[in-house]
């Protein structure tokens, strides 16, 4: 099953740190249009989100159910799955205060989600607003999109941190994804050795694997410093339970 894995905060919704109040959720520009276009094109949609607020003791895993339900309502789509990583090594809740393999940029959460919903990773995409999302998707074997909306501020690169596409929002990403073949030519990092940014081809320089992107029109580049996580071991994150993930009658009103 071809799938689009979606980061939540900064990609689908405005990033309100540690928010689990459904009434405070607001969509990013283009999120509804993009999600609906991808669903209409036959892509399953799955959210994969780091939620270190659980490890920090700010909220419990149960608080994410109403958030996921509200997000589906706002987008007008149904998720194939809503997956989260509750861990952080600096957490105060002992069971979650670990250095796990499901927290992005590691690929464990996407790989677990793919197994759970039957996703074909070679035909799938990971979309997020920071390079940690890109790295996680590339490591998992997806093609990737960086939503360049200001969320990424560090621009720390590495061998898995070159996105296939760079877009301004989810609507633009959906339009480009739908126009491309469903199957991937390789494991992440660009179509045919190139990156497309808002309709312009970005050539990969010889040092792109560890250092930088270069635009073919001579425009500016953002320097990248190599960094990465070598671990490929997996620890499955806990998805929200239930075959029918978010029954309407159990949702908490916004």
Protein backbone atom coordinates (compact mmCIF):
# COMPACT_ATOMS: atom_id res chain seq x y z
CA UNK A 1 0.00 0.00 0.00
CA UNK A 2 1.46 3.36 -0.99
CA UNK A 3 1.50 5.63 2.02
CA UNK A 4 2.41 9.17 2.98
CA UNK A 5 3.87 9.40 6.48
CA UNK A 6 3.22 12.85 7.92
CA UNK A 7 4.95 14.73 10.69
CA UNK A 8 2.42 16.56 12.86
CA UNK A 9 3.78 19.70 14.55
CA UNK A 10 4.97 22.29 12.04
CA UNK A 11 3.83 20.21 9.08
CA UNK A 12 0.12 19.57 9.56
CA UNK A 13 -0.54 21.97 12.44
CA UNK A 14 0.92 25.12 13.90
CA UNK A 15 3.61 24.13 16.37
CA UNK A 16 2.29 24.88 19.85
CA UNK A 17 4.82 23.17 22.15
CA UNK A 18 3.43 20.18 24.05
CA UNK A 19 -0.17 21.03 23.14
CA UNK A 20 -2.77 18.29 23.67
CA UNK A 21 -5.82 20.57 23.81
CA UNK A 22 -7.88 19.85 20.66
CA UNK A 23 -9.38 23.36 20.83
CA UNK A 24 -5.92 24.90 20.32
CA UNK A 25 -5.10 22.92 17.16
CA UNK A 26 -4.94 24.97 13.97
CA UNK A 27 -3.86 23.71 10.57
CA UNK A 28 -0.84 24.94 8.66
CA UNK A 29 -1.61 26.64 5.33
CA UNK A 30 -2.16 24.05 2.62
CA UNK A 31 -2.49 21.14 5.06
CA UNK A 32 -6.16 20.35 4.41
CA UNK A 33 -5.85 20.71 0.65
CA UNK A 34 -2.70 18.59 0.55
CA UNK A 35 -4.02 15.81 2.76
CA UNK A 36 -7.24 15.55 0.78
CA UNK A 37 -5.38 15.52 -2.54
CA UNK A 38 -3.09 12.71 -1.38
CA UNK A 39 -6.02 10.67 -0.08
CA UNK A 40 -7.91 11.22 -3.34
CA UNK A 41 -4.87 9.93 -5.24
CA UNK A 42 -5.01 6.66 -3.32
CA UNK A 43 -2.34 7.26 -0.69
CA UNK A 44 -2.91 6.02 2.84
CA UNK A 45 -2.05 8.70 5.39
CA UNK A 46 -0.23 7.92 8.64
CA UNK A 47 0.98 10.41 11.24
CA UNK A 48 4.41 9.77 12.80
CA UNK A 49 5.20 12.24 15.55
CA UNK A 50 7.76 12.69 18.33
CA UNK A 51 5.89 13.39 21.57
CA UNK A 52 8.55 13.89 24.24
CA UNK A 53 5.97 15.65 26.42
CA UNK A 54 5.01 12.16 27.60
CA UNK A 55 8.55 11.43 28.84
CA UNK A 56 8.74 14.91 30.36
CA UNK A 57 5.55 14.28 32.33
CA UNK A 58 3.52 17.04 30.65
CA UNK A 59 0.75 14.69 29.49
CA UNK A 60 -0.05 10.98 29.20
CA UNK A 61 -0.37 8.87 26.03
CA UNK A 62 -4.16 8.86 26.44
CA UNK A 63 -4.21 12.61 25.73
CA UNK A 64 -3.22 11.98 22.10
CA UNK A 65 -6.46 10.20 21.17
CA UNK A 66 -8.61 13.36 21.13
CA UNK A 67 -5.79 15.22 19.35
CA UNK A 68 -5.72 12.63 16.57
CA UNK A 69 -9.51 12.70 16.26
CA UNK A 70 -9.63 16.49 16.03
CA UNK A 71 -6.86 16.48 13.46
CA UNK A 72 -8.77 14.06 11.25
CA UNK A 73 -11.86 16.26 11.49
CA UNK A 74 -9.95 19.41 10.58
CA UNK A 75 -8.21 17.78 7.63
CA UNK A 76 -11.31 15.96 6.40
CA UNK A 77 -9.46 12.65 6.00
CA UNK A 78 -9.11 9.39 7.90
CA UNK A 79 -5.69 8.21 9.01
CA UNK A 80 -4.49 4.68 8.38
CA UNK A 81 -2.60 5.10 11.66
CA UNK A 82 -1.40 7.63 14.22
CA UNK A 83 1.99 6.69 15.64
CA UNK A 84 4.05 8.50 18.23
CA UNK A 85 7.33 8.21 20.09
CA UNK A 86 6.87 8.96 23.82
CA UNK A 87 10.57 8.82 24.69
CA UNK A 88 13.29 11.31 25.52
CA UNK A 89 16.57 10.56 27.31
CA UNK A 90 16.08 13.63 29.52
CA UNK A 91 12.55 12.67 30.54
CA UNK A 92 11.33 12.44 34.12
CA UNK A 93 8.97 9.46 33.62
CA UNK A 94 11.31 6.52 34.06
CA UNK A 95 9.72 4.12 31.56
CA UNK A 96 9.99 6.71 28.79
CA UNK A 97 13.33 8.32 29.74
CA UNK A 98 15.41 6.29 27.29
CA UNK A 99 17.49 6.79 24.16
CA UNK A 100 15.16 4.87 21.85
CA UNK A 101 15.24 3.93 18.17
CA UNK A 102 11.77 5.20 17.33
CA UNK A 103 12.38 8.89 17.94
CA UNK A 104 13.04 10.71 14.66
CA UNK A 105 15.58 11.06 13.06
CA UNK A 106 15.91 7.32 13.65
CA UNK A 107 13.64 5.20 11.43
CA UNK A 108 12.04 2.85 13.96
CA UNK A 109 8.68 4.62 14.17
CA UNK A 110 8.22 4.65 10.38
CA UNK A 111 9.30 1.02 10.05
CA UNK A 112 6.92 -0.03 12.81
CA UNK A 113 4.11 1.97 11.24
CA UNK A 114 4.77 0.40 7.84
CA UNK A 115 4.52 -3.08 9.34
CA UNK A 116 1.34 -2.20 11.21
CA UNK A 117 -0.57 -0.81 8.23
CA UNK A 118 1.05 -2.81 5.41
CA UNK A 119 2.81 0.13 3.73
CA UNK A 120 5.09 -0.41 0.74
CA UNK A 121 8.02 1.77 1.74
CA UNK A 122 9.47 1.92 -1.79
CA UNK A 123 6.19 3.49 -2.97
CA UNK A 124 5.80 5.75 0.07
CA UNK A 125 6.80 9.23 1.20
CA UNK A 126 7.75 10.94 4.45
CA UNK A 127 6.84 14.63 4.73
CA UNK A 128 8.08 16.92 7.49
CA UNK A 129 9.28 20.42 8.23
CA UNK A 130 12.75 19.59 9.58
CA UNK A 131 15.67 17.49 8.40
CA UNK A 132 15.14 14.99 11.22
CA UNK A 133 11.94 13.99 9.40
CA UNK A 134 13.86 13.70 6.14
CA UNK A 135 16.53 11.52 7.72
CA UNK A 136 13.99 9.20 9.31
CA UNK A 137 12.17 8.76 6.00
CA UNK A 138 15.34 8.20 3.98
CA UNK A 139 16.64 5.65 6.51
CA UNK A 140 13.31 3.82 6.34
CA UNK A 141 13.49 3.63 2.54
CA UNK A 142 10.88 6.26 1.60
CA UNK A 143 11.17 9.22 -0.67
CA UNK A 144 11.02 12.43 1.33
CA UNK A 145 9.73 16.00 1.30
CA UNK A 146 11.03 18.91 3.35
CA UNK A 147 8.33 21.53 3.96
CA UNK A 148 10.48 24.66 3.96
CA UNK A 149 8.29 26.88 6.13
CA UNK A 150 10.82 28.05 8.69
CA UNK A 151 10.67 25.01 10.95
CA UNK A 152 14.21 23.94 10.13
CA UNK A 153 16.66 26.37 11.70
CA UNK A 154 19.85 24.34 12.21
CA UNK A 155 20.43 22.85 8.72
CA UNK A 156 22.63 20.08 10.09
CA UNK A 157 23.21 17.59 7.30
CA UNK A 158 24.47 14.09 6.73
CA UNK A 159 24.24 11.17 4.31
CA UNK A 160 20.49 10.65 4.90
CA UNK A 161 19.38 14.27 5.13
CA UNK A 162 18.89 15.29 1.48
CA UNK A 163 15.16 15.40 0.66
CA UNK A 164 13.67 14.26 -2.62
CA UNK A 165 11.51 17.40 -2.82
CA UNK A 166 11.47 20.77 -1.08
CA UNK A 167 8.08 22.51 -1.00
CA UNK A 168 6.47 25.50 0.68
CA UNK A 169 3.50 23.55 2.09
CA UNK A 170 1.64 20.24 1.97
CA UNK A 171 -0.59 21.32 -0.91
CA UNK A 172 2.42 21.93 -3.15
CA UNK A 173 4.01 18.66 -2.01
CA UNK A 174 0.84 16.73 -2.82
CA UNK A 175 0.69 18.16 -6.32
CA UNK A 176 4.27 17.09 -7.05
CA UNK A 177 3.91 13.66 -5.44
CA UNK A 178 0.74 12.83 -7.36
CA UNK A 179 2.51 13.76 -10.61
CA UNK A 180 5.45 11.40 -9.96
CA UNK A 181 5.58 7.60 -10.40
CA UNK A 182 4.50 5.68 -7.31
CA UNK A 183 7.61 3.50 -7.00
CA UNK A 184 10.94 4.84 -5.81
CA UNK A 185 14.15 4.39 -7.86
CA UNK A 186 16.22 3.97 -4.72
CA UNK A 187 16.49 4.55 -1.01
CA UNK A 188 15.62 8.20 -0.47
CA UNK A 189 17.71 11.25 -1.22
CA UNK A 190 16.37 12.55 -4.52
CA UNK A 191 14.80 11.47 -7.79
CA UNK A 192 17.46 10.54 -10.32
CA UNK A 193 20.16 12.15 -8.16
CA UNK A 194 18.35 15.49 -8.11
CA UNK A 195 16.27 17.47 -5.66
CA UNK A 196 13.29 19.52 -6.80
CA UNK A 197 12.62 22.75 -4.94
CA UNK A 198 9.42 24.62 -5.76
CA UNK A 199 9.53 23.64 -9.41
CA UNK A 200 13.30 24.16 -9.80
CA UNK A 201 15.77 21.30 -10.01
CA UNK A 202 18.47 21.38 -7.35
CA UNK A 203 21.63 19.53 -8.39
CA UNK A 204 23.42 17.46 -5.79
CA UNK A 205 27.01 18.60 -5.49
CA UNK A 206 29.75 15.94 -5.09
CA UNK A 207 29.86 16.77 -1.38
CA UNK A 208 26.08 16.72 -0.97
CA UNK A 209 26.13 13.44 0.94
CA UNK A 210 27.73 15.22 3.89
CA UNK A 211 27.77 18.92 3.29
CA UNK A 212 25.44 20.99 1.11
CA UNK A 213 22.79 21.44 -1.56
CA UNK A 214 23.53 23.57 -4.64
CA UNK A 215 20.84 25.17 -6.77
CA UNK A 216 21.23 24.81 -10.53
CA UNK A 217 20.16 28.44 -11.06
CA UNK A 218 23.14 29.68 -9.04
CA UNK A 219 21.03 30.73 -6.05
CA UNK A 220 22.10 30.56 -2.46
CA UNK A 221 22.69 27.37 -0.49
CA UNK A 222 22.42 26.44 3.14
CA UNK A 223 25.61 24.81 4.47
CA UNK A 224 25.10 21.48 6.17
CA UNK A 225 27.38 19.87 8.74
CA UNK A 226 27.52 16.09 8.78
CA UNK A 227 25.83 14.38 11.69
CA UNK A 228 23.77 11.23 11.98
CA UNK A 229 22.63 8.30 14.05
CA UNK A 230 24.23 4.98 13.08
CA UNK A 231 21.85 2.72 14.95
CA UNK A 232 19.48 0.69 12.78
CA UNK A 233 18.10 -1.39 15.66
CA UNK A 234 14.38 -1.08 16.23
CA UNK A 235 12.21 -0.62 19.24
CA UNK A 236 8.56 -0.45 18.28
CA UNK A 237 6.75 2.69 19.50
CA UNK A 238 3.25 2.22 20.95
CA UNK A 239 0.58 3.19 18.40
CA UNK A 240 -2.80 4.34 19.57
CA UNK A 241 -4.70 1.07 20.10
CA UNK A 242 -7.72 -0.30 18.28
CA UNK A 243 -8.54 -1.54 14.80
CA UNK A 244 -10.84 1.44 14.33
CA UNK A 245 -8.45 4.04 15.65
CA UNK A 246 -10.71 6.97 16.41
CA UNK A 247 -14.41 6.04 16.70
CA UNK A 248 -16.42 9.25 16.53
CA UNK A 249 -18.52 8.43 19.58
CA UNK A 250 -15.38 8.31 21.75
CA UNK A 251 -13.92 11.63 20.67
CA UNK A 252 -13.58 14.48 23.08
CA UNK A 253 -15.41 17.57 21.75
CA UNK A 254 -13.15 20.45 20.72
